[in-house]
Protein backbone atom coordinates (compact mmCIF):
# COMPACT_ATOMS: atom_id res chain seq x y z
CA UNK A 1 0.23 0.06 -0.01
CA UNK A 2 1.52 3.62 -0.98
CA UNK A 3 1.76 5.96 2.25
CA UNK A 4 2.79 9.23 1.91
CA UNK A 5 3.98 12.10 4.37
CA UNK A 6 2.50 15.53 3.41
CA UNK A 7 2.72 18.99 3.92
CA UNK A 8 0.66 22.07 3.28
CA UNK A 9 1.67 25.45 3.23
CA UNK A 10 1.56 28.33 2.44
CA UNK A 11 3.85 30.20 -0.80
CA UNK A 12 5.38 32.20 1.50
CA UNK A 13 6.26 29.12 4.01
CA UNK A 14 5.67 31.37 6.76
CA UNK A 15 3.42 28.73 7.82
CA UNK A 16 3.78 24.73 7.55
CA UNK A 17 1.12 21.63 8.70
CA UNK A 18 3.16 18.08 7.98
CA UNK A 19 0.75 15.07 8.00
CA UNK A 20 -0.53 11.28 6.85
CA UNK A 21 -1.57 9.44 4.52
CA UNK A 22 -2.51 6.36 2.94
CA UNK A 23 -4.76 7.70 0.43
CA UNK A 24 -4.55 10.71 -2.22
CA UNK A 25 -2.54 13.93 -1.96
CA UNK A 26 -5.09 15.50 -3.97
CA UNK A 27 -8.54 14.12 -2.08
CA UNK A 28 -6.17 14.87 1.23
CA UNK A 29 -6.06 18.52 1.31
CA UNK A 30 -9.50 17.96 0.34
CA UNK A 31 -10.47 16.85 2.45
CA UNK A 32 -9.05 18.96 5.35
CA UNK A 33 -10.57 21.37 3.15
CA UNK A 34 -14.10 20.34 4.04
CA UNK A 35 -12.88 19.45 7.35
CA UNK A 36 -12.42 23.20 8.30
CA UNK A 37 -15.06 24.62 6.39
CA UNK A 38 -17.51 22.23 8.54
CA UNK A 39 -15.39 23.76 11.80
CA UNK A 40 -15.88 27.77 11.24
CA UNK A 41 -19.77 27.57 10.23
CA UNK A 42 -19.83 25.19 13.77
CA UNK A 43 -21.01 22.25 11.80
CA UNK A 44 -17.90 19.93 14.02
CA UNK A 45 -15.50 20.54 17.28
CA UNK A 46 -13.06 18.37 15.70
CA UNK A 47 -10.00 21.23 14.71
CA UNK A 48 -6.25 20.19 12.92
CA UNK A 49 -3.48 22.78 13.19
CA UNK A 50 -3.68 22.40 9.08
CA UNK A 51 -6.62 25.20 9.87
CA UNK A 52 -4.38 28.32 11.42
CA UNK A 53 -3.40 27.91 7.37
CA UNK A 54 -6.69 28.11 6.23
CA UNK A 55 -7.47 30.57 8.14
CA UNK A 56 -4.42 33.24 7.12
CA UNK A 57 -4.42 32.60 3.43
CA UNK A 58 -6.97 32.23 0.52
CA UNK A 59 -7.30 28.97 -0.85
CA UNK A 60 -5.12 29.59 -3.99
CA UNK A 61 -2.08 30.52 -2.19
CA UNK A 62 -1.63 27.58 -0.43
CA UNK A 63 -0.75 24.70 -1.71
CA UNK A 64 0.31 20.19 -0.38
CA UNK A 65 3.60 19.09 -1.30
CA UNK A 66 4.73 14.85 -1.05
CA UNK A 67 7.20 14.84 1.45
CA UNK A 68 8.15 11.71 1.17
CA UNK A 69 6.65 8.17 -1.01
CA UNK A 70 6.53 4.74 1.06
CA UNK A 71 5.43 0.90 -0.70
CA UNK A 72 3.92 -1.16 2.55
CA UNK A 73 4.85 1.00 5.73
CA UNK A 74 4.39 -0.36 8.44
CA UNK A 75 1.95 2.93 10.17
CA UNK A 76 4.17 3.05 13.77
CA UNK A 77 6.64 4.04 10.71
CA UNK A 78 4.98 6.34 9.04
CA UNK A 79 3.82 8.36 12.08
CA UNK A 80 7.61 8.30 12.94
CA UNK A 81 8.93 9.59 9.93
CA UNK A 82 5.59 11.80 10.90
CA UNK A 83 6.62 13.42 14.03
CA UNK A 84 10.06 13.16 12.82
CA UNK A 85 9.24 16.12 10.15
CA UNK A 86 6.96 17.73 13.00
CA UNK A 87 9.34 18.20 14.99
CA UNK A 88 12.35 19.37 13.05
CA UNK A 89 10.08 22.16 10.43
CA UNK A 90 7.59 24.01 12.27
């Protein structure tokens, strides 16, 4: 199974969010945006730190990028890789 470490970031690269997924990267980005919209409409209380980027930038100024791509990496290893980026790049 393919898995990814990705970052969501502003064009000026002042804000970053790192995450992991086993789905298509664009689908994952759309999921973040959909959840953010539900949150701002007070239809959910689920909060994600990626919302800070959506709060501060227009959608056209926000990008998603694959940082690492893996085949058949165990979830615990994928979480370790995600943690590495969060601890070292945010």
